[in-house]
Amino acid sequence: MSAHDTRYLFVYGTLMSGARTRLGAAERLRLAEQSDSLGPASLPHAKLYDLGRYPGVDCTGGPDDIVHGEAVLLADAAATFAWLDVYEDCAPADQTSATHAAEYERVVQQVRLAGGETFDAWVYVLCRTPENAHRIDSGRWNDGSA
C-alpha cells in the first residue's frame, strides 16, 4: 500500500471533535460517523495560521514548528473525501480553473500520535498562505469556545 492509499486523516480546525464553531458542525458529525478517532496528534515542520473563522496549515516550517490536532481513521476514504474535499475547497488537480483557485490541497504528511506512534496521513494544507494571515505560534487553534 502506498502513502496515497492511507485511510488516516489529520484535522486541526473546524473538523476536530472538540471544535464548537457553527462552521463545520454538520461536517464534524458526518466525519465522526465515518471514522474512528485516534486522539490527539501533531504535524511536525508545520505552521498554523488564523484565517478568521478557521485555520490553515503551511508545511514549510522548521524543526521547532508543530501543529496540534487530531488523527482519525476513515472507514471509506474515497467516500469521505468525495464530500470533504468540497467542504475544504480542495479541487482535484484536473478540476481547477482560472476563475477559481482552490484554497487547500490534500497531501500526505507524517503525523505523530500523543503516544509517539508515527504514520502517513492526509492533511489539508494551504495552497497559498494569505499575506494578512496571523500565525498561531502555539500551533493550537482556539475556535473561541475556550
N, C-alpha and C. Protein backbone atom coordinates (compact mmCIF):
# COMPACT_ATOMS: atom_id res chain seq x y z
N MET A 1 0.86 -1.19 0.00
CA MET A 1 0.00 0.00 0.00
C MET A 1 0.89 1.24 0.00
N SER A 2 0.63 2.19 -0.87
CA SER A 2 1.41 3.42 -0.93
C SER A 2 0.85 4.43 0.07
N ALA A 3 1.63 5.47 0.32
CA ALA A 3 1.19 6.51 1.24
C ALA A 3 -0.13 7.14 0.80
N HIS A 4 -0.34 7.20 -0.51
CA HIS A 4 -1.56 7.82 -1.03
C HIS A 4 -2.79 6.93 -0.85
N ASP A 5 -2.59 5.71 -0.41
CA ASP A 5 -3.70 4.81 -0.12
C ASP A 5 -4.12 4.86 1.34
N THR A 6 -3.47 5.71 2.13
CA THR A 6 -3.73 5.75 3.56
C THR A 6 -5.18 6.14 3.86
N ARG A 7 -5.72 5.59 4.92
CA ARG A 7 -7.07 5.93 5.38
C ARG A 7 -7.01 6.87 6.58
N TYR A 8 -5.81 7.34 6.94
CA TYR A 8 -5.67 8.26 8.06
C TYR A 8 -5.85 9.69 7.60
N LEU A 9 -6.42 10.50 8.48
CA LEU A 9 -6.62 11.93 8.22
C LEU A 9 -6.23 12.70 9.47
N PHE A 10 -5.50 13.80 9.29
CA PHE A 10 -5.13 14.70 10.39
C PHE A 10 -5.98 15.96 10.24
N VAL A 11 -6.71 16.31 11.31
CA VAL A 11 -7.52 17.53 11.30
C VAL A 11 -7.02 18.46 12.41
N TYR A 12 -7.15 19.77 12.18
CA TYR A 12 -6.57 20.74 13.12
C TYR A 12 -7.46 21.95 13.35
N GLY A 13 -8.68 21.94 12.85
CA GLY A 13 -9.53 23.12 12.95
C GLY A 13 -10.98 22.77 13.16
N THR A 14 -11.84 23.22 12.26
CA THR A 14 -13.29 23.07 12.43
C THR A 14 -13.74 21.62 12.44
N LEU A 15 -12.91 20.69 11.96
CA LEU A 15 -13.30 19.28 11.92
C LEU A 15 -12.87 18.50 13.17
N MET A 16 -12.11 19.13 14.07
CA MET A 16 -11.71 18.43 15.29
C MET A 16 -12.95 18.16 16.14
N SER A 17 -12.98 17.01 16.77
CA SER A 17 -14.15 16.61 17.55
C SER A 17 -14.49 17.60 18.66
N GLY A 18 -13.51 18.32 19.18
CA GLY A 18 -13.76 19.28 20.25
C GLY A 18 -14.11 20.67 19.77
N ALA A 19 -14.11 20.92 18.48
CA ALA A 19 -14.44 22.25 17.95
C ALA A 19 -15.91 22.56 18.24
N ARG A 20 -16.20 23.82 18.46
CA ARG A 20 -17.57 24.22 18.80
C ARG A 20 -18.13 25.30 17.90
N THR A 21 -17.50 25.52 16.76
CA THR A 21 -17.98 26.55 15.84
C THR A 21 -19.21 26.06 15.07
N ARG A 22 -20.02 27.01 14.64
CA ARG A 22 -21.12 26.64 13.75
C ARG A 22 -20.58 26.17 12.41
N LEU A 23 -19.53 26.86 11.96
CA LEU A 23 -18.89 26.45 10.71
C LEU A 23 -18.33 25.05 10.89
N GLY A 24 -18.76 24.14 10.07
CA GLY A 24 -18.27 22.77 10.11
C GLY A 24 -19.02 21.85 11.05
N ALA A 25 -20.07 22.33 11.71
CA ALA A 25 -20.79 21.49 12.68
C ALA A 25 -21.34 20.22 12.03
N ALA A 26 -22.01 20.36 10.90
CA ALA A 26 -22.57 19.19 10.22
C ALA A 26 -21.46 18.27 9.71
N GLU A 27 -20.38 18.87 9.23
CA GLU A 27 -19.27 18.08 8.71
C GLU A 27 -18.55 17.33 9.84
N ARG A 28 -18.43 17.95 11.01
CA ARG A 28 -17.84 17.25 12.17
C ARG A 28 -18.63 16.01 12.52
N LEU A 29 -19.96 16.15 12.55
CA LEU A 29 -20.81 14.99 12.85
C LEU A 29 -20.69 13.91 11.79
N ARG A 30 -20.68 14.33 10.55
CA ARG A 30 -20.57 13.36 9.45
C ARG A 30 -19.22 12.65 9.50
N LEU A 31 -18.15 13.40 9.76
CA LEU A 31 -16.83 12.79 9.86
C LEU A 31 -16.77 11.81 11.03
N ALA A 32 -17.36 12.17 12.16
CA ALA A 32 -17.38 11.27 13.32
C ALA A 32 -18.10 9.97 13.00
N GLU A 33 -19.15 10.04 12.19
CA GLU A 33 -19.90 8.84 11.80
C GLU A 33 -19.11 7.96 10.83
N GLN A 34 -18.19 8.58 10.08
CA GLN A 34 -17.47 7.85 9.03
C GLN A 34 -16.02 7.54 9.41
N SER A 35 -15.68 7.70 10.70
CA SER A 35 -14.29 7.48 11.10
C SER A 35 -14.21 7.09 12.57
N ASP A 36 -13.03 6.66 12.95
CA ASP A 36 -12.72 6.40 14.36
C ASP A 36 -11.62 7.36 14.77
N SER A 37 -11.83 8.07 15.88
CA SER A 37 -10.82 8.99 16.37
C SER A 37 -9.66 8.22 16.99
N LEU A 38 -8.45 8.63 16.65
CA LEU A 38 -7.25 8.04 17.23
C LEU A 38 -6.69 8.94 18.33
N GLY A 39 -7.33 10.09 18.53
CA GLY A 39 -6.93 11.00 19.60
C GLY A 39 -6.00 12.11 19.14
N PRO A 40 -5.44 12.83 20.12
CA PRO A 40 -4.55 13.95 19.81
C PRO A 40 -3.36 13.51 18.97
N ALA A 41 -2.99 14.37 18.05
CA ALA A 41 -1.86 14.09 17.16
C ALA A 41 -1.18 15.42 16.82
N SER A 42 0.00 15.33 16.24
CA SER A 42 0.71 16.54 15.85
C SER A 42 1.33 16.36 14.47
N LEU A 43 1.53 17.49 13.84
CA LEU A 43 2.10 17.56 12.49
C LEU A 43 3.40 18.35 12.60
N PRO A 44 4.55 17.68 12.49
CA PRO A 44 5.83 18.40 12.61
C PRO A 44 6.15 19.23 11.37
N HIS A 45 7.05 20.20 11.55
CA HIS A 45 7.53 21.05 10.46
C HIS A 45 6.39 21.80 9.78
N ALA A 46 5.40 22.20 10.58
CA ALA A 46 4.23 22.89 10.02
C ALA A 46 3.93 24.14 10.84
N LYS A 47 3.32 25.11 10.17
CA LYS A 47 2.91 26.36 10.81
C LYS A 47 1.40 26.52 10.67
N LEU A 48 0.77 27.02 11.72
CA LEU A 48 -0.68 27.21 11.75
C LEU A 48 -1.01 28.69 11.63
N TYR A 49 -2.02 29.00 10.82
CA TYR A 49 -2.42 30.39 10.60
C TYR A 49 -3.90 30.56 10.91
N ASP A 50 -4.22 31.71 11.49
CA ASP A 50 -5.61 32.09 11.77
C ASP A 50 -6.13 32.80 10.53
N LEU A 51 -7.15 32.20 9.90
CA LEU A 51 -7.72 32.78 8.69
C LEU A 51 -9.08 33.39 8.95
N GLY A 52 -9.36 33.69 10.22
CA GLY A 52 -10.65 34.27 10.57
C GLY A 52 -11.53 33.25 11.24
N ARG A 53 -12.43 32.62 10.48
CA ARG A 53 -13.36 31.65 11.05
C ARG A 53 -12.78 30.25 11.12
N TYR A 54 -11.59 30.05 10.56
CA TYR A 54 -10.96 28.73 10.54
C TYR A 54 -9.46 28.91 10.36
N PRO A 55 -8.69 27.86 10.63
CA PRO A 55 -7.24 27.95 10.46
C PRO A 55 -6.76 27.31 9.16
N GLY A 56 -5.49 27.48 8.88
CA GLY A 56 -4.86 26.84 7.74
C GLY A 56 -3.44 26.46 8.11
N VAL A 57 -2.92 25.43 7.45
CA VAL A 57 -1.59 24.91 7.72
C VAL A 57 -0.68 25.12 6.52
N ASP A 58 0.56 25.44 6.82
CA ASP A 58 1.63 25.54 5.83
C ASP A 58 2.70 24.53 6.29
N CYS A 59 3.08 23.61 5.44
CA CYS A 59 4.03 22.55 5.82
C CYS A 59 5.47 22.88 5.46
N THR A 60 5.82 24.17 5.50
CA THR A 60 7.19 24.56 5.20
C THR A 60 7.93 25.04 6.44
N GLY A 61 7.50 24.58 7.60
CA GLY A 61 8.13 25.01 8.85
C GLY A 61 9.46 24.32 9.11
N GLY A 62 10.10 24.79 10.16
CA GLY A 62 11.38 24.24 10.57
C GLY A 62 11.22 23.16 11.63
N PRO A 63 12.32 22.71 12.19
CA PRO A 63 12.28 21.61 13.16
C PRO A 63 11.53 21.95 14.46
N ASP A 64 11.39 23.22 14.79
CA ASP A 64 10.68 23.62 16.01
C ASP A 64 9.22 23.96 15.76
N ASP A 65 8.78 23.90 14.52
CA ASP A 65 7.40 24.23 14.18
C ASP A 65 6.54 22.97 14.24
N ILE A 66 5.37 23.09 14.89
CA ILE A 66 4.48 21.94 15.05
C ILE A 66 3.04 22.42 15.12
N VAL A 67 2.13 21.67 14.53
CA VAL A 67 0.70 21.96 14.60
C VAL A 67 0.05 20.80 15.34
N HIS A 68 -0.82 21.15 16.28
CA HIS A 68 -1.53 20.15 17.08
C HIS A 68 -2.94 19.98 16.56
N GLY A 69 -3.40 18.74 16.56
CA GLY A 69 -4.74 18.45 16.08
C GLY A 69 -5.18 17.08 16.55
N GLU A 70 -5.83 16.36 15.64
CA GLU A 70 -6.41 15.06 15.96
C GLU A 70 -6.29 14.16 14.72
N ALA A 71 -6.04 12.88 14.95
CA ALA A 71 -5.98 11.92 13.85
C ALA A 71 -7.22 11.04 13.88
N VAL A 72 -7.71 10.72 12.69
CA VAL A 72 -8.84 9.80 12.56
C VAL A 72 -8.52 8.75 11.51
N LEU A 73 -9.17 7.60 11.65
CA LEU A 73 -9.06 6.53 10.68
C LEU A 73 -10.39 6.46 9.95
N LEU A 74 -10.36 6.67 8.64
CA LEU A 74 -11.58 6.72 7.84
C LEU A 74 -12.05 5.31 7.47
N ALA A 75 -13.35 5.08 7.58
CA ALA A 75 -13.92 3.79 7.21
C ALA A 75 -13.82 3.58 5.70
N ASP A 76 -14.15 4.61 4.93
CA ASP A 76 -14.10 4.56 3.47
C ASP A 76 -13.56 5.89 2.98
N ALA A 77 -12.24 5.95 2.80
CA ALA A 77 -11.59 7.21 2.47
C ALA A 77 -12.16 7.86 1.21
N ALA A 78 -12.37 7.10 0.16
CA ALA A 78 -12.88 7.67 -1.09
C ALA A 78 -14.23 8.33 -0.90
N ALA A 79 -15.13 7.66 -0.18
CA ALA A 79 -16.46 8.23 0.06
C ALA A 79 -16.39 9.48 0.92
N THR A 80 -15.54 9.47 1.93
CA THR A 80 -15.41 10.65 2.80
C THR A 80 -14.79 11.82 2.05
N PHE A 81 -13.72 11.55 1.29
CA PHE A 81 -13.07 12.65 0.57
C PHE A 81 -13.95 13.23 -0.53
N ALA A 82 -14.91 12.48 -1.01
CA ALA A 82 -15.83 12.99 -2.03
C ALA A 82 -16.57 14.23 -1.53
N TRP A 83 -16.99 14.24 -0.27
CA TRP A 83 -17.67 15.43 0.28
C TRP A 83 -16.72 16.34 1.05
N LEU A 84 -15.68 15.77 1.66
CA LEU A 84 -14.76 16.56 2.47
C LEU A 84 -13.92 17.50 1.61
N ASP A 85 -13.51 17.06 0.42
CA ASP A 85 -12.76 17.93 -0.48
C ASP A 85 -13.59 19.15 -0.87
N VAL A 86 -14.88 18.99 -1.01
CA VAL A 86 -15.76 20.12 -1.33
C VAL A 86 -15.80 21.08 -0.15
N TYR A 87 -15.99 20.55 1.06
CA TYR A 87 -16.02 21.39 2.27
C TYR A 87 -14.72 22.17 2.42
N GLU A 88 -13.60 21.52 2.16
CA GLU A 88 -12.28 22.14 2.35
C GLU A 88 -11.84 22.99 1.16
N ASP A 89 -12.69 23.15 0.16
CA ASP A 89 -12.34 23.89 -1.05
C ASP A 89 -11.03 23.36 -1.62
N CYS A 90 -11.04 22.05 -1.83
CA CYS A 90 -9.87 21.34 -2.33
C CYS A 90 -10.26 20.66 -3.64
N ALA A 91 -10.07 21.36 -4.73
CA ALA A 91 -10.45 20.80 -6.03
C ALA A 91 -9.37 19.85 -6.52
N PRO A 92 -9.76 18.72 -7.09
CA PRO A 92 -8.76 17.84 -7.71
C PRO A 92 -8.01 18.60 -8.80
N ALA A 93 -6.77 18.21 -9.03
CA ALA A 93 -5.91 18.92 -9.98
C ALA A 93 -6.56 19.07 -11.34
N ASP A 94 -7.33 18.07 -11.78
CA ASP A 94 -7.93 18.15 -13.12
C ASP A 94 -9.21 18.99 -13.15
N GLN A 95 -9.62 19.53 -12.00
CA GLN A 95 -10.83 20.34 -11.97
C GLN A 95 -10.57 21.79 -11.58
N THR A 96 -9.32 22.19 -11.48
CA THR A 96 -9.03 23.58 -11.16
C THR A 96 -9.29 24.43 -12.39
N SER A 97 -9.61 25.68 -12.15
CA SER A 97 -9.88 26.57 -13.28
C SER A 97 -9.24 27.93 -13.04
N ALA A 98 -9.18 28.70 -14.07
CA ALA A 98 -8.59 30.03 -13.96
C ALA A 98 -9.48 30.95 -13.13
N THR A 99 -10.76 30.65 -13.04
CA THR A 99 -11.68 31.53 -12.31
C THR A 99 -11.76 31.20 -10.82
N HIS A 100 -11.36 29.99 -10.45
CA HIS A 100 -11.41 29.61 -9.04
C HIS A 100 -10.18 28.79 -8.68
N ALA A 101 -9.36 29.37 -7.83
CA ALA A 101 -8.20 28.64 -7.33
C ALA A 101 -8.57 28.04 -5.99
N ALA A 102 -8.35 26.76 -5.82
CA ALA A 102 -8.66 26.09 -4.57
C ALA A 102 -7.86 26.70 -3.43
N GLU A 103 -8.45 26.70 -2.23
CA GLU A 103 -7.77 27.25 -1.06
C GLU A 103 -6.80 26.23 -0.46
N TYR A 104 -7.19 24.95 -0.52
CA TYR A 104 -6.37 23.89 0.09
C TYR A 104 -6.03 22.82 -0.93
N GLU A 105 -4.97 22.10 -0.64
CA GLU A 105 -4.66 20.87 -1.34
C GLU A 105 -4.54 19.79 -0.28
N ARG A 106 -4.89 18.58 -0.67
CA ARG A 106 -4.82 17.44 0.27
C ARG A 106 -3.55 16.67 -0.04
N VAL A 107 -2.67 16.61 0.96
CA VAL A 107 -1.37 15.96 0.79
C VAL A 107 -1.14 14.96 1.91
N VAL A 108 -0.24 14.03 1.67
CA VAL A 108 0.13 13.05 2.69
C VAL A 108 1.35 13.56 3.44
N GLN A 109 1.24 13.58 4.76
CA GLN A 109 2.34 14.01 5.63
C GLN A 109 2.46 13.02 6.78
N GLN A 110 3.62 12.98 7.39
CA GLN A 110 3.78 12.11 8.56
C GLN A 110 3.26 12.85 9.79
N VAL A 111 2.41 12.19 10.56
CA VAL A 111 1.88 12.74 11.81
C VAL A 111 2.26 11.83 12.96
N ARG A 112 2.17 12.39 14.17
CA ARG A 112 2.55 11.65 15.37
C ARG A 112 1.42 11.68 16.38
N LEU A 113 1.04 10.50 16.85
CA LEU A 113 0.05 10.41 17.93
C LEU A 113 0.70 10.83 19.24
N ALA A 114 -0.12 11.17 20.22
CA ALA A 114 0.38 11.60 21.52
C ALA A 114 1.29 10.54 22.15
N GLY A 115 1.04 9.27 21.88
CA GLY A 115 1.85 8.18 22.43
C GLY A 115 3.16 7.96 21.71
N GLY A 116 3.41 8.68 20.59
CA GLY A 116 4.66 8.60 19.88
C GLY A 116 4.62 7.88 18.56
N GLU A 117 3.57 7.11 18.28
CA GLU A 117 3.47 6.38 17.01
C GLU A 117 3.35 7.37 15.86
N THR A 118 4.09 7.11 14.77
CA THR A 118 4.01 7.97 13.58
C THR A 118 3.47 7.17 12.40
N PHE A 119 2.79 7.87 11.50
CA PHE A 119 2.25 7.25 10.30
C PHE A 119 1.90 8.34 9.30
N ASP A 120 1.68 7.94 8.05
CA ASP A 120 1.29 8.86 6.99
C ASP A 120 -0.21 9.12 7.07
N ALA A 121 -0.58 10.38 6.94
CA ALA A 121 -1.99 10.77 6.98
C ALA A 121 -2.24 11.89 5.98
N TRP A 122 -3.46 11.95 5.50
CA TRP A 122 -3.87 13.06 4.65
C TRP A 122 -4.04 14.30 5.50
N VAL A 123 -3.62 15.44 4.96
CA VAL A 123 -3.73 16.74 5.64
C VAL A 123 -4.15 17.77 4.59
N TYR A 124 -5.08 18.64 4.97
CA TYR A 124 -5.44 19.75 4.09
C TYR A 124 -4.49 20.91 4.41
N VAL A 125 -3.67 21.28 3.42
CA VAL A 125 -2.71 22.37 3.60
C VAL A 125 -3.04 23.51 2.65
N LEU A 126 -2.67 24.70 3.05
CA LEU A 126 -2.95 25.88 2.22
C LEU A 126 -2.19 25.83 0.91
N CYS A 127 -2.85 26.17 -0.17
CA CYS A 127 -2.17 26.30 -1.46
C CYS A 127 -1.26 27.53 -1.43
N ARG A 128 -1.75 28.58 -0.79
CA ARG A 128 -1.01 29.83 -0.62
C ARG A 128 -1.37 30.41 0.74
N THR A 129 -0.37 30.84 1.49
CA THR A 129 -0.64 31.48 2.78
C THR A 129 -1.01 32.94 2.50
N PRO A 130 -2.21 33.37 2.89
CA PRO A 130 -2.60 34.76 2.64
C PRO A 130 -1.65 35.74 3.32
N GLU A 131 -1.40 36.86 2.66
CA GLU A 131 -0.47 37.87 3.19
C GLU A 131 -0.89 38.38 4.56
N ASN A 132 -2.20 38.49 4.81
CA ASN A 132 -2.68 39.06 6.06
C ASN A 132 -2.95 38.01 7.14
N ALA A 133 -2.56 36.77 6.89
CA ALA A 133 -2.81 35.69 7.86
C ALA A 133 -1.91 35.85 9.07
N HIS A 134 -2.51 35.68 10.24
CA HIS A 134 -1.77 35.78 11.51
C HIS A 134 -1.32 34.39 11.92
N ARG A 135 -0.03 34.23 12.17
CA ARG A 135 0.49 32.93 12.59
C ARG A 135 0.11 32.66 14.05
N ILE A 136 -0.31 31.43 14.31
CA ILE A 136 -0.63 30.98 15.67
C ILE A 136 0.61 30.23 16.17
N ASP A 137 1.43 30.91 16.95
CA ASP A 137 2.72 30.36 17.37
C ASP A 137 2.60 29.08 18.18
N SER A 138 1.51 28.92 18.94
CA SER A 138 1.34 27.72 19.77
C SER A 138 1.07 26.47 18.94
N GLY A 139 0.62 26.67 17.69
CA GLY A 139 0.27 25.54 16.85
C GLY A 139 -1.07 24.91 17.21
N ARG A 140 -1.81 25.57 18.10
CA ARG A 140 -3.12 25.06 18.54
C ARG A 140 -4.19 26.09 18.19
N TRP A 141 -5.19 25.63 17.43
CA TRP A 141 -6.28 26.51 17.06
C TRP A 141 -7.26 26.64 18.20
N ASN A 142 -7.61 27.87 18.53
CA ASN A 142 -8.63 28.15 19.54
C ASN A 142 -9.82 28.70 18.79
N ASP A 143 -10.90 27.92 18.76
CA ASP A 143 -12.08 28.34 17.99
C ASP A 143 -12.99 29.31 18.74
N GLY A 144 -12.49 29.81 19.87
CA GLY A 144 -13.29 30.76 20.64
C GLY A 144 -14.20 30.12 21.66
N SER A 145 -14.20 28.78 21.73
CA SER A 145 -15.07 28.11 22.67
C SER A 145 -14.43 27.95 24.04
N ALA A 146 -13.12 28.19 24.11
CA ALA A 146 -12.43 28.01 25.39
C ALA A 146 -12.47 29.26 26.22
